[in-house]
Full PDB file with SEQRES, HELIX, SHEET, SSBOND, CRYST1, ORIGX, SCALE, CONECT and MASTER records, all heavy atoms in Angstrom:
SEQRES   1 A   41  LEU ASN GLU LYS ILE ILE HIS SER ILE LEU GLU ALA ASP          
SEQRES   2 A   41  LEU GLN THR LEU VAL PHE SER ALA ASP ALA ALA SER GLU          
SEQRES   3 A   41  PRO LEU TYR SER LYS LEU ARG VAL ASN GLY ASP LEU GLU          
SEQRES   4 A   41  ARG VAL                                                      
HELIX    1 AA1 GLU A    3  GLU A   11  1                                   9    
HELIX    2 AA2 LEU A   28  LEU A   32  1                                   5    
CRYST1    1.000    1.000    1.000  90.00  90.00  90.00 P 1           1          
ORIGX1      1.000000  0.000000  0.000000        0.00000                         
ORIGX2      0.000000  1.000000  0.000000        0.00000                         
ORIGX3      0.000000  0.000000  1.000000        0.00000                         
SCALE1      1.000000  0.000000  0.000000        0.00000                         
SCALE2      0.000000  1.000000  0.000000        0.00000                         
SCALE3      0.000000  0.000000  1.000000        0.00000                         
ATOM      1  N   LEU A   1       0.831  -1.205   0.000  1.00  0.00           N  
ATOM      2  CA  LEU A   1       0.000   0.000   0.000  1.00  0.00           C  
ATOM      3  C   LEU A   1       0.866   1.255   0.000  1.00  0.00           C  
ATOM      4  O   LEU A   1       1.844   1.354   0.728  1.00  0.00           O  
ATOM      5  CB  LEU A   1      -0.903   0.041   1.232  1.00  0.00           C  
ATOM      6  CG  LEU A   1      -2.183  -0.795   1.238  1.00  0.00           C  
ATOM      7  CD1 LEU A   1      -2.986  -0.490   2.498  1.00  0.00           C  
ATOM      8  CD2 LEU A   1      -3.027  -0.535   0.001  1.00  0.00           C  
ATOM      9  N   ASN A   2       0.459   2.213  -0.829  1.00  0.00           N  
ATOM     10  CA  ASN A   2       1.075   3.532  -0.801  1.00  0.00           C  
ATOM     11  C   ASN A   2      -0.041   4.556  -1.003  1.00  0.00           C  
ATOM     12  O   ASN A   2      -1.205   4.194  -1.173  1.00  0.00           O  
ATOM     13  CB  ASN A   2       2.170   3.667  -1.871  1.00  0.00           C  
ATOM     14  CG  ASN A   2       1.649   3.322  -3.268  1.00  0.00           C  
ATOM     15  OD1 ASN A   2       0.545   3.709  -3.644  1.00  0.00           O  
ATOM     16  ND2 ASN A   2       2.447   2.595  -4.037  1.00  0.00           N  
ATOM     17  N   GLU A   3       0.297   5.831  -0.984  1.00  0.00           N  
ATOM     18  CA  GLU A   3      -0.747   6.858  -1.054  1.00  0.00           C  
ATOM     19  C   GLU A   3      -1.540   6.790  -2.346  1.00  0.00           C  
ATOM     20  O   GLU A   3      -2.761   6.997  -2.355  1.00  0.00           O  
ATOM     21  CB  GLU A   3      -0.132   8.248  -0.863  1.00  0.00           C  
ATOM     22  CG  GLU A   3       0.310   8.511   0.565  1.00  0.00           C  
ATOM     23  CD  GLU A   3       0.406   9.998   0.892  1.00  0.00           C  
ATOM     24  OE1 GLU A   3      -0.254  10.804   0.193  1.00  0.00           O  
ATOM     25  OE2 GLU A   3       1.112  10.344   1.848  1.00  0.00           O  
ATOM     26  N   LYS A   4      -0.896   6.480  -3.444  1.00  0.00           N  
ATOM     27  CA  LYS A   4      -1.600   6.398  -4.719  1.00  0.00           C  
ATOM     28  C   LYS A   4      -2.664   5.298  -4.685  1.00  0.00           C  
ATOM     29  O   LYS A   4      -3.813   5.520  -5.090  1.00  0.00           O  
ATOM     30  CB  LYS A   4      -0.610   6.133  -5.857  1.00  0.00           C  
ATOM     31  CG  LYS A   4      -1.258   6.055  -7.237  1.00  0.00           C  
ATOM     32  CD  LYS A   4      -0.224   5.815  -8.334  1.00  0.00           C  
ATOM     33  CE  LYS A   4      -0.896   5.704  -9.700  1.00  0.00           C  
ATOM     34  NZ  LYS A   4       0.111   5.456 -10.774  1.00  0.00           N  
ATOM     35  N   ILE A   5      -2.278   4.117  -4.210  1.00  0.00           N  
ATOM     36  CA  ILE A   5      -3.228   3.011  -4.129  1.00  0.00           C  
ATOM     37  C   ILE A   5      -4.335   3.325  -3.128  1.00  0.00           C  
ATOM     38  O   ILE A   5      -5.513   3.043  -3.363  1.00  0.00           O  
ATOM     39  CB  ILE A   5      -2.509   1.704  -3.735  1.00  0.00           C  
ATOM     40  CG1 ILE A   5      -1.491   1.312  -4.808  1.00  0.00           C  
ATOM     41  CG2 ILE A   5      -3.514   0.572  -3.529  1.00  0.00           C  
ATOM     42  CD1 ILE A   5      -0.621   0.125  -4.424  1.00  0.00           C  
ATOM     43  N   ILE A   6      -3.970   3.924  -2.015  1.00  0.00           N  
ATOM     44  CA  ILE A   6      -4.955   4.275  -0.986  1.00  0.00           C  
ATOM     45  C   ILE A   6      -6.016   5.208  -1.547  1.00  0.00           C  
ATOM     46  O   ILE A   6      -7.224   4.999  -1.356  1.00  0.00           O  
ATOM     47  CB  ILE A   6      -4.258   4.903   0.242  1.00  0.00           C  
ATOM     48  CG1 ILE A   6      -3.440   3.842   0.975  1.00  0.00           C  
ATOM     49  CG2 ILE A   6      -5.281   5.550   1.173  1.00  0.00           C  
ATOM     50  CD1 ILE A   6      -2.560   4.385   2.078  1.00  0.00           C  
ATOM     51  N   HIS A   7      -5.594   6.233  -2.257  1.00  0.00           N  
ATOM     52  CA  HIS A   7      -6.566   7.167  -2.845  1.00  0.00           C  
ATOM     53  C   HIS A   7      -7.418   6.476  -3.916  1.00  0.00           C  
ATOM     54  O   HIS A   7      -8.620   6.762  -4.034  1.00  0.00           O  
ATOM     55  CB  HIS A   7      -5.852   8.382  -3.423  1.00  0.00           C  
ATOM     56  CG  HIS A   7      -5.388   9.366  -2.385  1.00  0.00           C  
ATOM     57  ND1 HIS A   7      -6.269  10.184  -1.697  1.00  0.00           N  
ATOM     58  CD2 HIS A   7      -4.151   9.655  -1.915  1.00  0.00           C  
ATOM     59  CE1 HIS A   7      -5.583  10.945  -0.845  1.00  0.00           C  
ATOM     60  NE2 HIS A   7      -4.302  10.642  -0.959  1.00  0.00           N  
ATOM     61  N   SER A   8      -6.824   5.573  -4.679  1.00  0.00           N  
ATOM     62  CA  SER A   8      -7.594   4.841  -5.695  1.00  0.00           C  
ATOM     63  C   SER A   8      -8.702   4.029  -5.047  1.00  0.00           C  
ATOM     64  O   SER A   8      -9.836   3.971  -5.548  1.00  0.00           O  
ATOM     65  CB  SER A   8      -6.679   3.913  -6.487  1.00  0.00           C  
ATOM     66  OG  SER A   8      -5.749   4.644  -7.249  1.00  0.00           O  
ATOM     67  N   ILE A   9      -8.400   3.406  -3.932  1.00  0.00           N  
ATOM     68  CA  ILE A   9      -9.398   2.606  -3.223  1.00  0.00           C  
ATOM     69  C   ILE A   9     -10.494   3.490  -2.651  1.00  0.00           C  
ATOM     70  O   ILE A   9     -11.690   3.197  -2.774  1.00  0.00           O  
ATOM     71  CB  ILE A   9      -8.725   1.785  -2.100  1.00  0.00           C  
ATOM     72  CG1 ILE A   9      -7.814   0.710  -2.707  1.00  0.00           C  
ATOM     73  CG2 ILE A   9      -9.772   1.152  -1.181  1.00  0.00           C  
ATOM     74  CD1 ILE A   9      -6.950  -0.011  -1.692  1.00  0.00           C  
ATOM     75  N   LEU A  10     -10.111   4.590  -2.039  1.00  0.00           N  
ATOM     76  CA  LEU A  10     -11.088   5.456  -1.382  1.00  0.00           C  
ATOM     77  C   LEU A  10     -11.928   6.255  -2.377  1.00  0.00           C  
ATOM     78  O   LEU A  10     -13.053   6.659  -2.063  1.00  0.00           O  
ATOM     79  CB  LEU A  10     -10.376   6.397  -0.410  1.00  0.00           C  
ATOM     80  CG  LEU A  10      -9.852   5.704   0.863  1.00  0.00           C  
ATOM     81  CD1 LEU A  10      -8.894   6.618   1.615  1.00  0.00           C  
ATOM     82  CD2 LEU A  10     -11.011   5.293   1.759  1.00  0.00           C  
ATOM     83  N   GLU A  11     -11.409   6.477  -3.550  1.00  0.00           N  
ATOM     84  CA  GLU A  11     -12.174   7.200  -4.574  1.00  0.00           C  
ATOM     85  C   GLU A  11     -13.142   6.290  -5.309  1.00  0.00           C  
ATOM     86  O   GLU A  11     -14.092   6.757  -5.950  1.00  0.00           O  
ATOM     87  CB  GLU A  11     -11.205   7.850  -5.567  1.00  0.00           C  
ATOM     88  CG  GLU A  11     -10.462   9.043  -4.979  1.00  0.00           C  
ATOM     89  CD  GLU A  11      -9.314   9.522  -5.853  1.00  0.00           C  
ATOM     90  OE1 GLU A  11      -9.115   8.929  -6.945  1.00  0.00           O  
ATOM     91  OE2 GLU A  11      -8.608  10.465  -5.444  1.00  0.00           O  
ATOM     92  N   ALA A  12     -12.925   4.982  -5.216  1.00  0.00           N  
ATOM     93  CA  ALA A  12     -13.820   4.018  -5.859  1.00  0.00           C  
ATOM     94  C   ALA A  12     -15.013   3.733  -4.949  1.00  0.00           C  
ATOM     95  O   ALA A  12     -14.950   3.927  -3.735  1.00  0.00           O  
ATOM     96  CB  ALA A  12     -13.068   2.725  -6.159  1.00  0.00           C  
ATOM     97  N   ASP A  13     -16.076   3.253  -5.555  1.00  0.00           N  
ATOM     98  CA  ASP A  13     -17.283   2.943  -4.799  1.00  0.00           C  
ATOM     99  C   ASP A  13     -17.232   1.487  -4.330  1.00  0.00           C  
ATOM    100  O   ASP A  13     -18.020   0.646  -4.742  1.00  0.00           O  
ATOM    101  CB  ASP A  13     -18.519   3.177  -5.680  1.00  0.00           C  
ATOM    102  CG  ASP A  13     -19.811   2.900  -4.946  1.00  0.00           C  
ATOM    103  OD1 ASP A  13     -19.880   3.215  -3.746  1.00  0.00           O  
ATOM    104  OD2 ASP A  13     -20.744   2.350  -5.559  1.00  0.00           O  
ATOM    105  N   LEU A  14     -16.285   1.206  -3.451  1.00  0.00           N  
ATOM    106  CA  LEU A  14     -16.150  -0.131  -2.875  1.00  0.00           C  
ATOM    107  C   LEU A  14     -16.965  -0.222  -1.594  1.00  0.00           C  
ATOM    108  O   LEU A  14     -17.154   0.772  -0.891  1.00  0.00           O  
ATOM    109  CB  LEU A  14     -14.689  -0.434  -2.553  1.00  0.00           C  
ATOM    110  CG  LEU A  14     -13.739  -0.692  -3.733  1.00  0.00           C  
ATOM    111  CD1 LEU A  14     -12.302  -0.745  -3.236  1.00  0.00           C  
ATOM    112  CD2 LEU A  14     -14.101  -1.987  -4.438  1.00  0.00           C  
ATOM    113  N   GLN A  15     -17.412  -1.438  -1.274  1.00  0.00           N  
ATOM    114  CA  GLN A  15     -18.159  -1.631  -0.034  1.00  0.00           C  
ATOM    115  C   GLN A  15     -17.260  -2.110   1.106  1.00  0.00           C  
ATOM    116  O   GLN A  15     -17.436  -1.688   2.247  1.00  0.00           O  
ATOM    117  CB  GLN A  15     -19.297  -2.655  -0.248  1.00  0.00           C  
ATOM    118  CG  GLN A  15     -20.560  -2.054  -0.826  1.00  0.00           C  
ATOM    119  CD  GLN A  15     -20.348  -1.516  -2.234  1.00  0.00           C  
ATOM    120  OE1 GLN A  15     -19.929  -2.235  -3.136  1.00  0.00           O  
ATOM    121  NE2 GLN A  15     -20.641  -0.240  -2.437  1.00  0.00           N  
ATOM    122  N   THR A  16     -16.296  -2.992   0.801  1.00  0.00           N  
ATOM    123  CA  THR A  16     -15.479  -3.571   1.867  1.00  0.00           C  
ATOM    124  C   THR A  16     -14.031  -3.695   1.432  1.00  0.00           C  
ATOM    125  O   THR A  16     -13.735  -4.118   0.316  1.00  0.00           O  
ATOM    126  CB  THR A  16     -16.001  -4.976   2.259  1.00  0.00           C  
ATOM    127  OG1 THR A  16     -17.392  -4.913   2.569  1.00  0.00           O  
ATOM    128  CG2 THR A  16     -15.252  -5.508   3.469  1.00  0.00           C  
ATOM    129  N   LEU A  17     -13.146  -3.331   2.336  1.00  0.00           N  
ATOM    130  CA  LEU A  17     -11.709  -3.521   2.140  1.00  0.00           C  
ATOM    131  C   LEU A  17     -11.217  -4.426   3.261  1.00  0.00           C  
ATOM    132  O   LEU A  17     -11.376  -4.108   4.443  1.00  0.00           O  
ATOM    133  CB  LEU A  17     -10.972  -2.189   2.183  1.00  0.00           C  
ATOM    134  CG  LEU A  17      -9.441  -2.260   2.237  1.00  0.00           C  
ATOM    135  CD1 LEU A  17      -8.883  -2.880   0.961  1.00  0.00           C  
ATOM    136  CD2 LEU A  17      -8.840  -0.871   2.461  1.00  0.00           C  
ATOM    137  N   VAL A  18     -10.642  -5.556   2.893  1.00  0.00           N  
ATOM    138  CA  VAL A  18     -10.149  -6.516   3.873  1.00  0.00           C  
ATOM    139  C   VAL A  18      -8.624  -6.503   3.893  1.00  0.00           C  
ATOM    140  O   VAL A  18      -7.981  -6.754   2.876  1.00  0.00           O  
ATOM    141  CB  VAL A  18     -10.661  -7.942   3.564  1.00  0.00           C  
ATOM    142  CG1 VAL A  18     -10.075  -8.937   4.567  1.00  0.00           C  
ATOM    143  CG2 VAL A  18     -12.181  -7.986   3.604  1.00  0.00           C  
ATOM    144  N   PHE A  19      -8.078  -6.206   5.062  1.00  0.00           N  
ATOM    145  CA  PHE A  19      -6.640  -6.338   5.276  1.00  0.00           C  
ATOM    146  C   PHE A  19      -6.403  -7.732   5.856  1.00  0.00           C  
ATOM    147  O   PHE A  19      -6.919  -8.060   6.925  1.00  0.00           O  
ATOM    148  CB  PHE A  19      -6.125  -5.284   6.252  1.00  0.00           C  
ATOM    149  CG  PHE A  19      -6.315  -3.860   5.800  1.00  0.00           C  
ATOM    150  CD1 PHE A  19      -7.140  -2.989   6.504  1.00  0.00           C  
ATOM    151  CD2 PHE A  19      -5.659  -3.381   4.677  1.00  0.00           C  
ATOM    152  CE1 PHE A  19      -7.310  -1.681   6.102  1.00  0.00           C  
ATOM    153  CE2 PHE A  19      -5.828  -2.060   4.258  1.00  0.00           C  
ATOM    154  CZ  PHE A  19      -6.654  -1.212   4.973  1.00  0.00           C  
ATOM    155  N   SER A  20      -5.633  -8.534   5.153  1.00  0.00           N  
ATOM    156  CA  SER A  20      -5.397  -9.904   5.607  1.00  0.00           C  
ATOM    157  C   SER A  20      -4.227  -9.926   6.578  1.00  0.00           C  
ATOM    158  O   SER A  20      -3.086  -9.668   6.201  1.00  0.00           O  
ATOM    159  CB  SER A  20      -5.110 -10.811   4.408  1.00  0.00           C  
ATOM    160  OG  SER A  20      -6.216 -10.815   3.519  1.00  0.00           O  
ATOM    161  N   ALA A  21      -4.526 -10.213   7.840  1.00  0.00           N  
ATOM    162  CA  ALA A  21      -3.501 -10.303   8.880  1.00  0.00           C  
ATOM    163  C   ALA A  21      -3.985 -11.287   9.931  1.00  0.00           C  
ATOM    164  O   ALA A  21      -5.164 -11.290  10.280  1.00  0.00           O  
ATOM    165  CB  ALA A  21      -3.240  -8.932   9.506  1.00  0.00           C  
ATOM    166  N   ASP A  22      -3.081 -12.084  10.444  1.00  0.00           N  
ATOM    167  CA  ASP A  22      -3.480 -13.213  11.289  1.00  0.00           C  
ATOM    168  C   ASP A  22      -2.941 -13.145  12.712  1.00  0.00           C  
ATOM    169  O   ASP A  22      -3.196 -14.042  13.512  1.00  0.00           O  
ATOM    170  CB  ASP A  22      -2.998 -14.520  10.657  1.00  0.00           C  
ATOM    171  CG  ASP A  22      -3.202 -14.515   9.159  1.00  0.00           C  
ATOM    172  OD1 ASP A  22      -4.333 -14.749   8.727  1.00  0.00           O  
ATOM    173  OD2 ASP A  22      -2.223 -14.242   8.428  1.00  0.00           O  
ATOM    174  N   ALA A  23      -2.178 -12.100  13.018  1.00  0.00           N  
ATOM    175  CA  ALA A  23      -1.566 -12.017  14.340  1.00  0.00           C  
ATOM    176  C   ALA A  23      -1.436 -10.564  14.759  1.00  0.00           C  
ATOM    177  O   ALA A  23      -1.526  -9.646  13.939  1.00  0.00           O  
ATOM    178  CB  ALA A  23      -0.207 -12.707  14.334  1.00  0.00           C  
ATOM    179  N   ALA A  24      -1.190 -10.383  16.047  1.00  0.00           N  
ATOM    180  CA  ALA A  24      -1.077  -9.044  16.606  1.00  0.00           C  
ATOM    181  C   ALA A  24       0.336  -8.757  17.103  1.00  0.00           C  
ATOM    182  O   ALA A  24       0.572  -7.729  17.742  1.00  0.00           O  
ATOM    183  CB  ALA A  24      -2.071  -8.877  17.753  1.00  0.00           C  
ATOM    184  N   SER A  25       1.258  -9.658  16.815  1.00  0.00           N  
ATOM    185  CA  SER A  25       2.622  -9.464  17.292  1.00  0.00           C  
ATOM    186  C   SER A  25       3.590 -10.297  16.469  1.00  0.00           C  
ATOM    187  O   SER A  25       3.204 -11.233  15.775  1.00  0.00           O  
ATOM    188  CB  SER A  25       2.732  -9.862  18.775  1.00  0.00           C  
ATOM    189  OG  SER A  25       2.441 -11.248  18.940  1.00  0.00           O  
ATOM    190  N   GLU A  26       4.850  -9.909  16.553  1.00  0.00           N  
ATOM    191  CA  GLU A  26       5.935 -10.707  15.998  1.00  0.00           C  
ATOM    192  C   GLU A  26       6.499 -11.587  17.123  1.00  0.00           C  
ATOM    193  O   GLU A  26       6.387 -11.229  18.299  1.00  0.00           O  
ATOM    194  CB  GLU A  26       7.045  -9.792  15.448  1.00  0.00           C  
ATOM    195  CG  GLU A  26       6.662  -9.005  14.216  1.00  0.00           C  
ATOM    196  CD  GLU A  26       6.614  -9.861  12.950  1.00  0.00           C  
ATOM    197  OE1 GLU A  26       6.558 -11.110  13.062  1.00  0.00           O  
ATOM    198  OE2 GLU A  26       6.611  -9.276  11.858  1.00  0.00           O  
ATOM    199  N   PRO A  27       7.047 -12.747  16.830  1.00  0.00           N  
ATOM    200  CA  PRO A  27       7.343 -13.256  15.489  1.00  0.00           C  
ATOM    201  C   PRO A  27       6.199 -14.044  14.845  1.00  0.00           C  
ATOM    202  O   PRO A  27       6.371 -14.569  13.741  1.00  0.00           O  
ATOM    203  CB  PRO A  27       8.544 -14.163  15.747  1.00  0.00           C  
ATOM    204  CG  PRO A  27       8.277 -14.727  17.109  1.00  0.00           C  
ATOM    205  CD  PRO A  27       7.648 -13.606  17.887  1.00  0.00           C  
ATOM    206  N   LEU A  28       5.048 -14.141  15.536  1.00  0.00           N  
ATOM    207  CA  LEU A  28       3.960 -14.973  15.014  1.00  0.00           C  
ATOM    208  C   LEU A  28       3.496 -14.499  13.645  1.00  0.00           C  
ATOM    209  O   LEU A  28       3.245 -15.322  12.751  1.00  0.00           O  
ATOM    210  CB  LEU A  28       2.781 -14.970  15.996  1.00  0.00           C  
ATOM    211  CG  LEU A  28       1.565 -15.810  15.595  1.00  0.00           C  
ATOM    212  CD1 LEU A  28       1.961 -17.263  15.381  1.00  0.00           C  
ATOM    213  CD2 LEU A  28       0.462 -15.690  16.633  1.00  0.00           C  
ATOM    214  N   TYR A  29       3.369 -13.174  13.464  1.00  0.00           N  
ATOM    215  CA  TYR A  29       2.904 -12.657  12.178  1.00  0.00           C  
ATOM    216  C   TYR A  29       3.785 -13.157  11.038  1.00  0.00           C  
ATOM    217  O   TYR A  29       3.289 -13.684  10.039  1.00  0.00           O  
ATOM    218  CB  TYR A  29       2.870 -11.124  12.188  1.00  0.00           C  
ATOM    219  CG  TYR A  29       2.476 -10.523  10.852  1.00  0.00           C  
ATOM    220  CD1 TYR A  29       1.142 -10.285  10.553  1.00  0.00           C  
ATOM    221  CD2 TYR A  29       3.437 -10.215   9.889  1.00  0.00           C  
ATOM    222  CE1 TYR A  29       0.769  -9.754   9.318  1.00  0.00           C  
ATOM    223  CE2 TYR A  29       3.079  -9.683   8.655  1.00  0.00           C  
ATOM    224  CZ  TYR A  29       1.755  -9.457   8.379  1.00  0.00           C  
ATOM    225  OH  TYR A  29       1.381  -8.936   7.156  1.00  0.00           O  
ATOM    226  N   SER A  30       5.089 -12.993  11.156  1.00  0.00           N  
ATOM    227  CA  SER A  30       6.001 -13.369  10.079  1.00  0.00           C  
ATOM    228  C   SER A  30       6.141 -14.876   9.917  1.00  0.00           C  
ATOM    229  O   SER A  30       6.495 -15.359   8.842  1.00  0.00           O  
ATOM    230  CB  SER A  30       7.386 -12.755  10.318  1.00  0.00           C  
ATOM    231  OG  SER A  30       7.318 -11.341  10.242  1.00  0.00           O  
ATOM    232  N   LYS A  31       5.858 -15.627  10.969  1.00  0.00           N  
ATOM    233  CA  LYS A  31       5.867 -17.085  10.851  1.00  0.00           C  
ATOM    234  C   LYS A  31       4.697 -17.564  10.005  1.00  0.00           C  
ATOM    235  O   LYS A  31       4.810 -18.549   9.271  1.00  0.00           O  
ATOM    236  CB  LYS A  31       5.813 -17.723  12.235  1.00  0.00           C  
ATOM    237  CG  LYS A  31       7.115 -17.655  13.013  1.00  0.00           C  
ATOM    238  CD  LYS A  31       6.995 -18.360  14.354  1.00  0.00           C  
ATOM    239  CE  LYS A  31       8.317 -18.338  15.110  1.00  0.00           C  
ATOM    240  NZ  LYS A  31       8.210 -19.011  16.433  1.00  0.00           N  
ATOM    241  N   LEU A  32       3.564 -16.865  10.137  1.00  0.00           N  
ATOM    242  CA  LEU A  32       2.379 -17.226   9.364  1.00  0.00           C  
ATOM    243  C   LEU A  32       2.427 -16.599   7.974  1.00  0.00           C  
ATOM    244  O   LEU A  32       2.149 -17.262   6.973  1.00  0.00           O  
ATOM    245  CB  LEU A  32       1.116 -16.777  10.098  1.00  0.00           C  
ATOM    246  CG  LEU A  32       0.853 -17.440  11.453  1.00  0.00           C  
ATOM    247  CD1 LEU A  32      -0.359 -16.791  12.127  1.00  0.00           C  
ATOM    248  CD2 LEU A  32       0.630 -18.933  11.297  1.00  0.00           C  
ATOM    249  N   ARG A  33       2.747 -15.306   7.930  1.00  0.00           N  
ATOM    250  CA  ARG A  33       2.795 -14.582   6.657  1.00  0.00           C  
ATOM    251  C   ARG A  33       4.262 -14.414   6.257  1.00  0.00           C  
ATOM    252  O   ARG A  33       4.871 -13.353   6.450  1.00  0.00           O  
ATOM    253  CB  ARG A  33       2.084 -13.244   6.778  1.00  0.00           C  
ATOM    254  CG  ARG A  33       0.610 -13.430   7.139  1.00  0.00           C  
ATOM    255  CD  ARG A  33      -0.325 -12.550   6.388  1.00  0.00           C  
ATOM    256  NE  ARG A  33      -1.681 -13.095   6.457  1.00  0.00           N  
ATOM    257  CZ  ARG A  33      -2.482 -13.268   5.427  1.00  0.00           C  
ATOM    258  NH1 ARG A  33      -2.076 -12.961   4.224  1.00  0.00           N  
ATOM    259  NH2 ARG A  33      -3.698 -13.758   5.575  1.00  0.00           N  
ATOM    260  N   VAL A  34       4.788 -15.462   5.700  1.00  0.00           N  
ATOM    261  CA  VAL A  34       6.212 -15.496   5.342  1.00  0.00           C  
ATOM    262  C   VAL A  34       6.500 -14.432   4.277  1.00  0.00           C  
ATOM    263  O   VAL A  34       5.756 -14.277   3.315  1.00  0.00           O  
ATOM    264  CB  VAL A  34       6.597 -16.898   4.829  1.00  0.00           C  
ATOM    265  CG1 VAL A  34       8.066 -16.940   4.421  1.00  0.00           C  
ATOM    266  CG2 VAL A  34       6.306 -17.941   5.912  1.00  0.00           C  
ATOM    267  N   ASN A  35       7.586 -13.707   4.482  1.00  0.00           N  
ATOM    268  CA  ASN A  35       8.008 -12.543   3.689  1.00  0.00           C  
ATOM    269  C   ASN A  35       7.306 -11.264   4.137  1.00  0.00           C  
ATOM    270  O   ASN A  35       7.544 -10.187   3.581  1.00  0.00           O  
ATOM    271  CB  ASN A  35       7.783 -12.723   2.183  1.00  0.00           C  
ATOM    272  CG  ASN A  35       8.612 -13.833   1.593  1.00  0.00           C  
ATOM    273  OD1 ASN A  35       9.619 -14.234   2.173  1.00  0.00           O  
ATOM    274  ND2 ASN A  35       8.199 -14.353   0.449  1.00  0.00           N  
ATOM    275  N   GLY A  36       6.422 -11.381   5.124  1.00  0.00           N  
ATOM    276  CA  GLY A  36       5.708 -10.217   5.616  1.00  0.00           C  
ATOM    277  C   GLY A  36       6.486  -9.459   6.679  1.00  0.00           C  
ATOM    278  O   GLY A  36       7.508  -9.922   7.187  1.00  0.00           O  
ATOM    279  N   ASP A  37       5.997  -8.269   7.004  1.00  0.00           N  
ATOM    280  CA  ASP A  37       6.642  -7.407   7.983  1.00  0.00           C  
ATOM    281  C   ASP A  37       5.533  -6.666   8.715  1.00  0.00           C  
ATOM    282  O   ASP A  37       4.921  -5.750   8.165  1.00  0.00           O  
ATOM    283  CB  ASP A  37       7.587  -6.436   7.276  1.00  0.00           C  
ATOM    284  CG  ASP A  37       8.322  -5.505   8.223  1.00  0.00           C  
ATOM    285  OD1 ASP A  37       7.831  -5.275   9.341  1.00  0.00           O  
ATOM    286  OD2 ASP A  37       9.386  -4.991   7.835  1.00  0.00           O  
ATOM    287  N   LEU A  38       5.238  -7.058   9.938  1.00  0.00           N  
ATOM    288  CA  LEU A  38       4.116  -6.484  10.678  1.00  0.00           C  
ATOM    289  C   LEU A  38       4.271  -4.979  10.877  1.00  0.00           C  
ATOM    290  O   LEU A  38       3.302  -4.230  10.765  1.00  0.00           O  
ATOM    291  CB  LEU A  38       3.975  -7.172  12.036  1.00  0.00           C  
ATOM    292  CG  LEU A  38       2.823  -6.680  12.919  1.00  0.00           C  
ATOM    293  CD1 LEU A  38       1.480  -6.843  12.211  1.00  0.00           C  
ATOM    294  CD2 LEU A  38       2.815  -7.427  14.250  1.00  0.00           C  
ATOM    295  N   GLU A  39       5.472  -4.526  11.151  1.00  0.00           N  
ATOM    296  CA  GLU A  39       5.701  -3.092  11.365  1.00  0.00           C  
ATOM    297  C   GLU A  39       5.331  -2.297  10.115  1.00  0.00           C  
ATOM    298  O   GLU A  39       4.667  -1.251  10.195  1.00  0.00           O  
ATOM    299  CB  GLU A  39       7.151  -2.836  11.756  1.00  0.00           C  
ATOM    300  CG  GLU A  39       7.441  -1.367  12.056  1.00  0.00           C  
ATOM    301  CD  GLU A  39       8.884  -1.133  12.482  1.00  0.00           C  
ATOM    302  OE1 GLU A  39       9.631  -2.126  12.632  1.00  0.00           O  
ATOM    303  OE2 GLU A  39       9.263   0.046  12.653  1.00  0.00           O  
ATOM    304  N   ARG A  40       5.745  -2.787   8.963  1.00  0.00           N  
ATOM    305  CA  ARG A  40       5.437  -2.100   7.702  1.00  0.00           C  
ATOM    306  C   ARG A  40       3.938  -2.150   7.410  1.00  0.00           C  
ATOM    307  O   ARG A  40       3.337  -1.142   7.009  1.00  0.00           O  
ATOM    308  CB  ARG A  40       6.223  -2.737   6.560  1.00  0.00           C  
ATOM    309  CG  ARG A  40       5.842  -2.203   5.188  1.00  0.00           C  
ATOM    310  CD  ARG A  40       6.787  -2.687   4.116  1.00  0.00           C  
ATOM    311  NE  ARG A  40       6.323  -2.306   2.782  1.00  0.00           N  
ATOM    312  CZ  ARG A  40       7.090  -2.292   1.712  1.00  0.00           C  
ATOM    313  NH1 ARG A  40       8.361  -2.621   1.796  1.00  0.00           N  
ATOM    314  NH2 ARG A  40       6.598  -1.941   0.533  1.00  0.00           N  
ATOM    315  N   VAL A  41       3.341  -3.303   7.615  1.00  0.00           N  
ATOM    316  CA  VAL A  41       1.905  -3.457   7.360  1.00  0.00           C  
ATOM    317  C   VAL A  41       1.101  -2.546   8.277  1.00  0.00           C  
ATOM    318  O   VAL A  41       0.151  -1.874   7.840  1.00  0.00           O  
ATOM    319  CB  VAL A  41       1.494  -4.935   7.535  1.00  0.00           C  
ATOM    320  CG1 VAL A  41      -0.028  -5.072   7.607  1.00  0.00           C  
ATOM    321  CG2 VAL A  41       2.040  -5.774   6.388  1.00  0.00           C  
TER     322      VAL A  41                                                      
MASTER        0    0    0    2    0    0    0    6  321    1    0    4          
END                                                                             
């Protein structure tokens, strides 16, 4: 996600935006979402 994508989403007539995340802390997040970075997300 960056500002350009964010504005594209908010300017569109979407009903639901789902952020896929499975944990609230590291290292569990990165163990489940390999290559992910909870701080960045």
